N, C-alpha and C. Protein backbone atom coordinates (compact mmCIF):
# COMPACT_ATOMS: atom_id res chain seq x y z
N UNK A 1 12.54 7.29 8.51
CA UNK A 1 12.15 7.56 9.89
C UNK A 1 10.62 7.60 9.98
N UNK A 2 10.11 6.91 10.98
CA UNK A 2 8.66 6.89 11.21
C UNK A 2 8.41 7.35 12.65
N UNK A 3 7.55 8.31 12.80
CA UNK A 3 7.15 8.74 14.14
C UNK A 3 5.80 8.12 14.46
N UNK A 4 5.71 7.57 15.67
CA UNK A 4 4.49 6.89 16.10
C UNK A 4 3.97 7.55 17.38
N UNK A 5 2.67 7.77 17.42
CA UNK A 5 2.06 8.41 18.58
C UNK A 5 0.86 7.58 19.03
N UNK A 6 0.97 7.03 20.25
CA UNK A 6 -0.13 6.24 20.81
C UNK A 6 -1.10 7.15 21.56
N UNK A 7 -2.33 6.73 21.60
CA UNK A 7 -3.35 7.43 22.38
C UNK A 7 -4.43 6.43 22.78
N UNK A 8 -5.28 6.87 23.72
CA UNK A 8 -6.41 6.04 24.11
C UNK A 8 -6.27 5.33 25.43
N UNK A 9 -5.12 5.47 26.07
CA UNK A 9 -4.95 4.84 27.36
C UNK A 9 -5.76 5.54 28.44
N UNK A 10 -5.79 4.92 29.62
CA UNK A 10 -6.52 5.52 30.72
C UNK A 10 -6.78 4.54 31.83
N UNK A 11 -7.69 4.91 32.71
CA UNK A 11 -8.06 4.07 33.84
C UNK A 11 -9.41 3.42 33.55
N UNK A 12 -9.49 2.12 33.76
CA UNK A 12 -10.72 1.39 33.49
C UNK A 12 -10.89 0.32 34.55
N UNK A 13 -12.11 -0.02 34.85
CA UNK A 13 -12.37 -1.09 35.81
C UNK A 13 -12.18 -2.45 35.15
N UNK A 14 -11.87 -3.43 35.95
CA UNK A 14 -11.74 -4.79 35.45
C UNK A 14 -13.02 -5.20 34.72
N UNK A 15 -12.84 -5.85 33.58
CA UNK A 15 -13.96 -6.23 32.75
C UNK A 15 -14.32 -5.21 31.68
N UNK A 16 -13.73 -4.05 31.79
CA UNK A 16 -14.00 -2.99 30.85
C UNK A 16 -13.18 -3.11 29.57
N UNK A 17 -13.32 -2.09 28.72
CA UNK A 17 -12.66 -2.09 27.41
C UNK A 17 -11.98 -0.75 27.16
N UNK A 18 -10.94 -0.81 26.36
CA UNK A 18 -10.27 0.38 25.85
C UNK A 18 -9.84 0.10 24.42
N UNK A 19 -9.76 1.14 23.62
CA UNK A 19 -9.17 1.02 22.30
C UNK A 19 -8.01 1.99 22.19
N UNK A 20 -6.84 1.42 21.96
CA UNK A 20 -5.65 2.24 21.75
C UNK A 20 -5.46 2.48 20.26
N UNK A 21 -4.95 3.66 19.95
CA UNK A 21 -4.62 4.01 18.58
C UNK A 21 -3.14 4.35 18.49
N UNK A 22 -2.58 4.11 17.35
CA UNK A 22 -1.19 4.47 17.08
C UNK A 22 -1.14 5.08 15.70
N UNK A 23 -0.89 6.38 15.67
CA UNK A 23 -0.85 7.11 14.41
C UNK A 23 0.59 7.25 13.94
N UNK A 24 0.81 6.97 12.66
CA UNK A 24 2.15 7.05 12.08
C UNK A 24 2.28 8.30 11.23
N UNK A 25 3.51 8.78 11.15
CA UNK A 25 3.76 10.05 10.47
C UNK A 25 3.90 9.92 8.96
N UNK A 26 4.20 8.72 8.50
CA UNK A 26 4.54 8.57 7.09
C UNK A 26 3.42 7.96 6.26
N UNK A 27 3.34 8.41 5.04
CA UNK A 27 2.34 7.87 4.13
C UNK A 27 2.69 6.47 3.69
N UNK A 28 3.96 6.05 3.93
CA UNK A 28 4.38 4.70 3.58
C UNK A 28 4.09 3.73 4.72
N UNK A 29 3.19 4.13 5.62
CA UNK A 29 2.80 3.30 6.76
C UNK A 29 2.45 1.89 6.31
N UNK A 30 1.82 1.76 5.15
CA UNK A 30 1.38 0.44 4.68
C UNK A 30 2.54 -0.48 4.34
N UNK A 31 3.77 0.03 4.34
CA UNK A 31 4.95 -0.79 4.08
C UNK A 31 5.44 -1.53 5.31
N UNK A 32 4.87 -1.19 6.48
CA UNK A 32 5.40 -1.71 7.74
C UNK A 32 4.45 -2.71 8.40
N UNK A 33 5.03 -3.82 8.83
CA UNK A 33 4.33 -4.65 9.79
C UNK A 33 4.35 -3.91 11.12
N UNK A 34 3.26 -4.01 11.87
CA UNK A 34 3.15 -3.24 13.12
C UNK A 34 2.93 -4.17 14.30
N UNK A 35 3.52 -3.78 15.42
CA UNK A 35 3.37 -4.58 16.62
C UNK A 35 2.92 -3.74 17.80
N UNK A 36 2.32 -4.42 18.78
CA UNK A 36 1.98 -3.81 20.06
C UNK A 36 2.75 -4.54 21.16
N UNK A 37 3.25 -3.77 22.10
CA UNK A 37 4.00 -4.29 23.24
C UNK A 37 3.48 -3.62 24.50
N UNK A 38 3.84 -4.18 25.63
CA UNK A 38 3.50 -3.53 26.89
C UNK A 38 4.61 -3.79 27.91
N UNK A 39 4.69 -2.88 28.87
CA UNK A 39 5.68 -3.03 29.93
C UNK A 39 5.04 -2.65 31.25
N UNK A 40 4.95 -3.62 32.13
CA UNK A 40 4.41 -3.40 33.46
C UNK A 40 5.55 -2.99 34.40
N UNK A 41 5.25 -2.31 35.50
CA UNK A 41 6.29 -1.88 36.43
C UNK A 41 7.14 -3.05 36.91
N UNK A 42 8.44 -2.89 36.80
CA UNK A 42 9.36 -3.92 37.27
C UNK A 42 9.49 -5.12 36.37
N UNK A 43 8.86 -5.06 35.19
CA UNK A 43 8.92 -6.18 34.26
C UNK A 43 9.52 -5.75 32.93
N UNK A 44 9.94 -6.74 32.15
CA UNK A 44 10.47 -6.43 30.83
C UNK A 44 9.33 -6.17 29.84
N UNK A 45 9.68 -5.48 28.78
CA UNK A 45 8.70 -5.22 27.73
C UNK A 45 8.25 -6.55 27.13
N UNK A 46 6.95 -6.66 26.90
CA UNK A 46 6.34 -7.91 26.46
C UNK A 46 5.63 -7.71 25.13
N UNK A 47 5.85 -8.63 24.20
CA UNK A 47 5.16 -8.59 22.92
C UNK A 47 3.71 -9.04 23.11
N UNK A 48 2.78 -8.24 22.60
CA UNK A 48 1.36 -8.59 22.69
C UNK A 48 0.86 -9.19 21.40
N UNK A 49 1.20 -8.56 20.30
CA UNK A 49 0.71 -9.05 19.03
C UNK A 49 1.17 -8.17 17.90
N UNK A 50 0.88 -8.63 16.68
CA UNK A 50 1.34 -7.92 15.50
C UNK A 50 0.35 -8.12 14.36
N UNK A 51 0.47 -7.22 13.40
CA UNK A 51 -0.38 -7.29 12.21
C UNK A 51 0.49 -7.01 11.00
N UNK A 52 0.29 -7.81 9.96
CA UNK A 52 1.05 -7.63 8.75
C UNK A 52 0.67 -6.34 8.03
N UNK A 53 1.56 -5.92 7.13
CA UNK A 53 1.35 -4.63 6.46
C UNK A 53 0.02 -4.57 5.72
N UNK A 54 -0.43 -5.71 5.20
CA UNK A 54 -1.69 -5.74 4.46
C UNK A 54 -2.89 -5.80 5.39
N UNK A 55 -2.64 -6.10 6.66
CA UNK A 55 -3.73 -6.26 7.62
C UNK A 55 -4.34 -7.63 7.62
N UNK A 56 -3.80 -8.53 6.77
CA UNK A 56 -4.43 -9.83 6.61
C UNK A 56 -4.10 -10.86 7.66
N UNK A 57 -3.01 -10.68 8.38
CA UNK A 57 -2.58 -11.71 9.33
C UNK A 57 -2.23 -11.05 10.66
N UNK A 58 -2.71 -11.62 11.74
CA UNK A 58 -2.39 -11.09 13.06
C UNK A 58 -1.88 -12.20 13.96
N UNK A 59 -1.09 -11.84 14.94
CA UNK A 59 -0.51 -12.76 15.90
C UNK A 59 -0.74 -12.20 17.29
N UNK A 60 -0.99 -13.08 18.27
CA UNK A 60 -1.27 -12.63 19.62
C UNK A 60 -0.56 -13.46 20.66
N UNK A 61 -0.19 -12.79 21.75
CA UNK A 61 0.28 -13.46 22.95
C UNK A 61 -0.88 -14.32 23.49
N UNK A 62 -0.57 -15.49 23.95
CA UNK A 62 -1.63 -16.40 24.41
C UNK A 62 -2.53 -15.77 25.46
N UNK A 63 -1.96 -15.01 26.35
CA UNK A 63 -2.75 -14.47 27.46
C UNK A 63 -3.76 -13.40 27.04
N UNK A 64 -3.65 -12.91 25.82
CA UNK A 64 -4.59 -11.89 25.36
C UNK A 64 -5.49 -12.38 24.23
N UNK A 65 -5.24 -13.59 23.75
CA UNK A 65 -6.07 -14.13 22.68
C UNK A 65 -7.53 -14.18 23.11
N UNK A 66 -8.39 -13.76 22.20
CA UNK A 66 -9.82 -13.75 22.49
C UNK A 66 -10.28 -12.49 23.22
N UNK A 67 -9.34 -11.71 23.73
CA UNK A 67 -9.70 -10.46 24.43
C UNK A 67 -9.22 -9.23 23.67
N UNK A 68 -8.05 -9.33 23.06
CA UNK A 68 -7.46 -8.20 22.34
C UNK A 68 -7.54 -8.44 20.84
N UNK A 69 -7.74 -7.36 20.10
CA UNK A 69 -7.78 -7.44 18.64
C UNK A 69 -6.97 -6.30 18.05
N UNK A 70 -6.07 -6.66 17.15
CA UNK A 70 -5.27 -5.66 16.45
C UNK A 70 -5.84 -5.47 15.05
N UNK A 71 -5.95 -4.23 14.65
CA UNK A 71 -6.41 -3.92 13.29
C UNK A 71 -5.67 -2.69 12.81
N UNK A 72 -5.81 -2.41 11.55
CA UNK A 72 -5.14 -1.22 11.00
C UNK A 72 -5.98 -0.63 9.90
N UNK A 73 -5.80 0.67 9.71
CA UNK A 73 -6.43 1.40 8.61
C UNK A 73 -5.30 2.12 7.89
N UNK A 74 -4.85 1.55 6.80
CA UNK A 74 -3.71 2.13 6.09
C UNK A 74 -4.05 3.49 5.47
N UNK A 75 -5.31 3.73 5.22
CA UNK A 75 -5.70 5.04 4.68
C UNK A 75 -5.57 6.15 5.72
N UNK A 76 -5.56 5.75 6.99
CA UNK A 76 -5.40 6.72 8.09
C UNK A 76 -4.06 6.61 8.77
N UNK A 77 -3.18 5.75 8.24
CA UNK A 77 -1.84 5.56 8.83
C UNK A 77 -1.95 5.21 10.32
N UNK A 78 -2.91 4.37 10.66
CA UNK A 78 -3.18 4.10 12.07
C UNK A 78 -3.37 2.60 12.31
N UNK A 79 -2.82 2.15 13.43
CA UNK A 79 -3.05 0.79 13.90
C UNK A 79 -3.76 0.87 15.24
N UNK A 80 -4.62 -0.11 15.49
CA UNK A 80 -5.45 -0.08 16.69
C UNK A 80 -5.22 -1.33 17.54
N UNK A 81 -5.48 -1.18 18.83
CA UNK A 81 -5.49 -2.32 19.74
C UNK A 81 -6.78 -2.22 20.54
N UNK A 82 -7.73 -3.07 20.21
CA UNK A 82 -8.98 -3.13 20.95
C UNK A 82 -8.80 -4.12 22.08
N UNK A 83 -9.04 -3.66 23.30
CA UNK A 83 -8.83 -4.49 24.48
C UNK A 83 -10.15 -4.65 25.22
N UNK A 84 -10.61 -5.86 25.32
CA UNK A 84 -11.86 -6.16 26.03
C UNK A 84 -11.57 -7.06 27.23
N UNK A 85 -12.54 -7.13 28.13
CA UNK A 85 -12.41 -7.99 29.32
C UNK A 85 -11.09 -7.75 30.02
N UNK A 86 -10.79 -6.50 30.23
CA UNK A 86 -9.50 -6.14 30.82
C UNK A 86 -9.37 -6.66 32.25
N UNK A 87 -8.14 -7.01 32.60
CA UNK A 87 -7.82 -7.55 33.92
C UNK A 87 -6.78 -6.66 34.58
N UNK A 88 -6.71 -6.66 35.91
CA UNK A 88 -5.68 -5.85 36.57
C UNK A 88 -4.26 -6.17 36.07
N UNK A 89 -4.01 -7.40 35.70
CA UNK A 89 -2.68 -7.76 35.21
C UNK A 89 -2.38 -7.21 33.81
N UNK A 90 -3.36 -6.59 33.17
CA UNK A 90 -3.11 -5.92 31.90
C UNK A 90 -2.56 -4.50 32.12
N UNK A 91 -2.50 -4.07 33.36
CA UNK A 91 -1.96 -2.74 33.66
C UNK A 91 -0.51 -2.64 33.21
N UNK A 92 -0.22 -1.65 32.37
CA UNK A 92 1.12 -1.48 31.81
C UNK A 92 1.13 -0.21 30.96
N UNK A 93 2.33 0.13 30.53
CA UNK A 93 2.47 1.12 29.46
C UNK A 93 2.47 0.35 28.15
N UNK A 94 1.63 0.78 27.24
CA UNK A 94 1.48 0.10 25.96
C UNK A 94 2.17 0.90 24.85
N UNK A 95 2.92 0.17 24.03
CA UNK A 95 3.69 0.78 22.95
C UNK A 95 3.33 0.15 21.61
N UNK A 96 3.33 0.97 20.58
CA UNK A 96 3.28 0.41 19.23
C UNK A 96 4.65 0.53 18.61
N UNK A 97 4.90 -0.31 17.60
CA UNK A 97 6.21 -0.31 16.97
C UNK A 97 6.07 -0.73 15.51
N UNK A 98 6.94 -0.18 14.68
CA UNK A 98 6.98 -0.51 13.26
C UNK A 98 8.21 -1.36 12.98
N UNK A 99 8.00 -2.41 12.21
CA UNK A 99 9.08 -3.35 11.93
C UNK A 99 9.68 -3.10 10.55
N UNK A 100 10.98 -3.26 10.49
CA UNK A 100 11.71 -3.21 9.24
C UNK A 100 12.59 -4.45 9.17
N UNK A 101 12.43 -5.23 8.13
CA UNK A 101 13.23 -6.43 8.00
C UNK A 101 13.06 -7.41 9.14
N UNK A 102 11.85 -7.42 9.73
CA UNK A 102 11.58 -8.36 10.81
C UNK A 102 11.97 -7.87 12.18
N UNK A 103 12.57 -6.70 12.27
CA UNK A 103 12.97 -6.13 13.56
C UNK A 103 12.15 -4.88 13.85
N UNK A 104 11.71 -4.74 15.09
CA UNK A 104 10.95 -3.56 15.49
C UNK A 104 11.93 -2.45 15.83
N UNK A 105 11.92 -1.41 14.98
CA UNK A 105 12.93 -0.38 15.17
C UNK A 105 12.36 1.00 15.43
N UNK A 106 11.10 1.23 15.11
CA UNK A 106 10.48 2.52 15.40
C UNK A 106 9.46 2.32 16.51
N UNK A 107 9.51 3.22 17.52
CA UNK A 107 8.67 3.06 18.70
C UNK A 107 7.94 4.36 19.02
N UNK A 108 6.73 4.22 19.54
CA UNK A 108 6.02 5.35 20.08
C UNK A 108 6.46 5.63 21.51
N UNK A 109 5.88 6.65 22.10
CA UNK A 109 6.26 7.06 23.46
C UNK A 109 5.53 6.26 24.53
N UNK A 110 4.49 5.55 24.12
CA UNK A 110 3.74 4.74 25.07
C UNK A 110 2.52 5.45 25.63
N UNK A 111 1.55 4.66 26.03
CA UNK A 111 0.35 5.19 26.68
C UNK A 111 0.00 4.28 27.85
N UNK A 112 -0.33 4.89 28.98
CA UNK A 112 -0.57 4.13 30.21
C UNK A 112 -1.98 3.56 30.22
N UNK A 113 -2.06 2.29 30.55
CA UNK A 113 -3.35 1.63 30.78
C UNK A 113 -3.35 1.10 32.20
N UNK A 114 -4.34 1.50 32.97
CA UNK A 114 -4.46 1.05 34.35
C UNK A 114 -5.83 0.40 34.53
N UNK A 115 -5.82 -0.84 35.00
CA UNK A 115 -7.05 -1.58 35.20
C UNK A 115 -7.23 -1.79 36.71
N UNK A 116 -8.29 -1.25 37.23
CA UNK A 116 -8.55 -1.38 38.67
C UNK A 116 -9.42 -2.60 38.94
N UNK A 117 -9.19 -3.18 40.10
CA UNK A 117 -9.94 -4.41 40.46
C UNK A 117 -11.23 -4.07 41.19
């Protein structure tokens, strides 16, 4: 069992930046590939990107490429989502998740990001 806690959300103007953090409860955090997702009101949860357990490889949704960066610090059991050049359409609840066997099975409670125009 892995407990995940996101933080860093808030209200920001368009063009601004936020950095989300996701802290994991287990010291075996480095065994998990980690993903970030978001869910806007009235929409399905959307995959944003992921980072391999070693931190060496990342994947991104096309609409966030060049603006969002995922990184991790395994010594701190934490994964980050740096979001730059934010747009109103980035408004959503953002979730981190830990993958086991290629499936995302552990989820945080989410953190709200609101981008004003």
